[in-house]
Amino acid sequence: MTALLFLIPVALGMGLIGLVAFLWSLRSGQFDDPKGAAERILQDDDNPLP
């Protein structure tokens, strides 16, 4: 039972750190992709065979 008194705050702290890191990455533009996969899939990189 005493282990839960230690593990619950540790788990909540780690979750809070993860949430702060995620929000920081959103605000700093880590997930911005103006030319995303939706447009890249339409580009034809293959050379046609003669």
N, C-alpha and C. Protein backbone atom coordinates (compact mmCIF):
# COMPACT_ATOMS: atom_id res chain seq x y z
N MET A 1 0.81 -1.19 0.00
CA MET A 1 0.00 0.00 0.00
C MET A 1 0.86 1.26 0.00
N THR A 2 1.98 1.19 0.69
CA THR A 2 2.84 2.36 0.73
C THR A 2 3.51 2.61 -0.62
N ALA A 3 3.63 1.56 -1.43
CA ALA A 3 4.21 1.75 -2.75
C ALA A 3 3.30 2.61 -3.62
N LEU A 4 1.98 2.48 -3.45
CA LEU A 4 1.05 3.31 -4.22
C LEU A 4 1.17 4.78 -3.85
N LEU A 5 1.50 5.06 -2.62
CA LEU A 5 1.68 6.45 -2.21
C LEU A 5 2.87 7.08 -2.91
N PHE A 6 3.79 6.28 -3.36
CA PHE A 6 4.94 6.77 -4.11
C PHE A 6 4.68 6.74 -5.62
N LEU A 7 4.07 5.66 -6.10
CA LEU A 7 3.93 5.46 -7.54
C LEU A 7 2.87 6.35 -8.19
N ILE A 8 1.78 6.63 -7.49
CA ILE A 8 0.73 7.46 -8.07
C ILE A 8 1.22 8.88 -8.35
N PRO A 9 1.87 9.56 -7.42
CA PRO A 9 2.39 10.89 -7.76
C PRO A 9 3.47 10.86 -8.85
N VAL A 10 4.28 9.81 -8.86
CA VAL A 10 5.29 9.69 -9.91
C VAL A 10 4.62 9.54 -11.28
N ALA A 11 3.59 8.72 -11.36
CA ALA A 11 2.88 8.53 -12.63
C ALA A 11 2.18 9.80 -13.07
N LEU A 12 1.57 10.51 -12.15
CA LEU A 12 0.93 11.77 -12.51
C LEU A 12 1.95 12.81 -12.95
N GLY A 13 3.09 12.85 -12.30
CA GLY A 13 4.15 13.78 -12.70
C GLY A 13 4.69 13.48 -14.09
N MET A 14 4.88 12.19 -14.38
CA MET A 14 5.37 11.82 -15.71
C MET A 14 4.34 12.14 -16.78
N GLY A 15 3.07 11.95 -16.47
CA GLY A 15 2.01 12.32 -17.41
C GLY A 15 1.97 13.80 -17.66
N LEU A 16 2.16 14.58 -16.62
CA LEU A 16 2.19 16.03 -16.77
C LEU A 16 3.38 16.49 -17.59
N ILE A 17 4.52 15.86 -17.38
CA ILE A 17 5.71 16.19 -18.18
C ILE A 17 5.47 15.86 -19.65
N GLY A 18 4.84 14.72 -19.92
CA GLY A 18 4.54 14.35 -21.30
C GLY A 18 3.56 15.32 -21.94
N LEU A 19 2.55 15.76 -21.20
CA LEU A 19 1.58 16.71 -21.72
C LEU A 19 2.24 18.05 -22.03
N VAL A 20 3.10 18.51 -21.14
CA VAL A 20 3.81 19.78 -21.37
C VAL A 20 4.72 19.67 -22.59
N ALA A 21 5.40 18.55 -22.75
CA ALA A 21 6.27 18.36 -23.91
C ALA A 21 5.47 18.34 -25.20
N PHE A 22 4.29 17.71 -25.17
CA PHE A 22 3.44 17.67 -26.36
C PHE A 22 2.94 19.06 -26.72
N LEU A 23 2.48 19.82 -25.72
CA LEU A 23 1.99 21.16 -25.99
C LEU A 23 3.12 22.08 -26.48
N TRP A 24 4.32 21.91 -25.94
CA TRP A 24 5.46 22.69 -26.41
C TRP A 24 5.75 22.38 -27.89
N SER A 25 5.69 21.09 -28.24
CA SER A 25 5.98 20.73 -29.63
C SER A 25 4.91 21.25 -30.58
N LEU A 26 3.67 21.33 -30.13
CA LEU A 26 2.62 21.91 -30.97
C LEU A 26 2.87 23.40 -31.20
N ARG A 27 3.22 24.11 -30.15
CA ARG A 27 3.41 25.55 -30.26
C ARG A 27 4.69 25.91 -31.00
N SER A 28 5.69 25.05 -30.99
CA SER A 28 6.95 25.39 -31.66
C SER A 28 6.95 24.96 -33.13
N GLY A 29 5.87 24.35 -33.60
CA GLY A 29 5.76 24.03 -35.02
C GLY A 29 6.35 22.69 -35.41
N GLN A 30 6.47 21.76 -34.51
CA GLN A 30 7.06 20.47 -34.83
C GLN A 30 6.17 19.66 -35.76
N PHE A 31 4.86 19.91 -35.74
CA PHE A 31 3.95 19.12 -36.54
C PHE A 31 3.47 19.86 -37.79
N ASP A 32 4.04 21.01 -38.08
CA ASP A 32 3.66 21.75 -39.28
C ASP A 32 4.28 21.09 -40.50
N ASP A 33 3.46 20.83 -41.48
CA ASP A 33 3.93 20.22 -42.72
C ASP A 33 3.11 20.80 -43.87
N PRO A 34 3.54 21.94 -44.42
CA PRO A 34 2.72 22.58 -45.45
C PRO A 34 2.56 21.74 -46.71
N LYS A 35 3.54 20.91 -47.03
CA LYS A 35 3.41 20.05 -48.19
C LYS A 35 3.46 18.62 -47.69
N GLY A 36 2.34 18.15 -47.28
CA GLY A 36 2.26 16.87 -46.57
C GLY A 36 2.19 15.67 -47.48
N ALA A 37 1.96 14.54 -46.85
CA ALA A 37 1.91 13.27 -47.57
C ALA A 37 0.74 13.22 -48.54
N ALA A 38 -0.31 13.97 -48.25
CA ALA A 38 -1.46 13.98 -49.15
C ALA A 38 -1.09 14.55 -50.52
N GLU A 39 -0.16 15.50 -50.56
CA GLU A 39 0.27 16.05 -51.84
C GLU A 39 1.43 15.25 -52.43
N ARG A 40 2.29 14.72 -51.58
CA ARG A 40 3.45 13.97 -52.07
C ARG A 40 3.05 12.67 -52.76
N ILE A 41 1.93 12.09 -52.36
CA ILE A 41 1.51 10.83 -52.97
C ILE A 41 1.09 11.05 -54.42
N LEU A 42 0.72 12.28 -54.77
CA LEU A 42 0.28 12.56 -56.12
C LEU A 42 1.43 12.81 -57.10
N GLN A 43 2.62 13.04 -56.60
CA GLN A 43 3.76 13.29 -57.46
C GLN A 43 4.26 11.98 -58.05
N ASP A 44 4.52 12.02 -59.35
CA ASP A 44 5.00 10.83 -60.04
C ASP A 44 6.52 10.88 -60.13
N ASP A 45 7.17 10.07 -59.31
CA ASP A 45 8.63 10.02 -59.30
C ASP A 45 9.19 8.96 -60.24
N ASP A 46 8.34 8.11 -60.76
CA ASP A 46 8.80 7.04 -61.63
C ASP A 46 9.00 7.57 -63.05
N ASN A 47 10.05 7.08 -63.69
CA ASN A 47 10.27 7.41 -65.10
C ASN A 47 9.54 6.35 -65.94
N PRO A 48 8.72 6.78 -66.89
CA PRO A 48 8.02 5.78 -67.70
C PRO A 48 9.00 5.01 -68.61
N LEU A 49 8.74 3.74 -68.74
CA LEU A 49 9.59 2.91 -69.60
C LEU A 49 9.24 3.15 -71.06
N PRO A 50 10.24 3.16 -71.96
CA PRO A 50 9.95 3.41 -73.39
C PRO A 50 9.28 2.22 -74.04
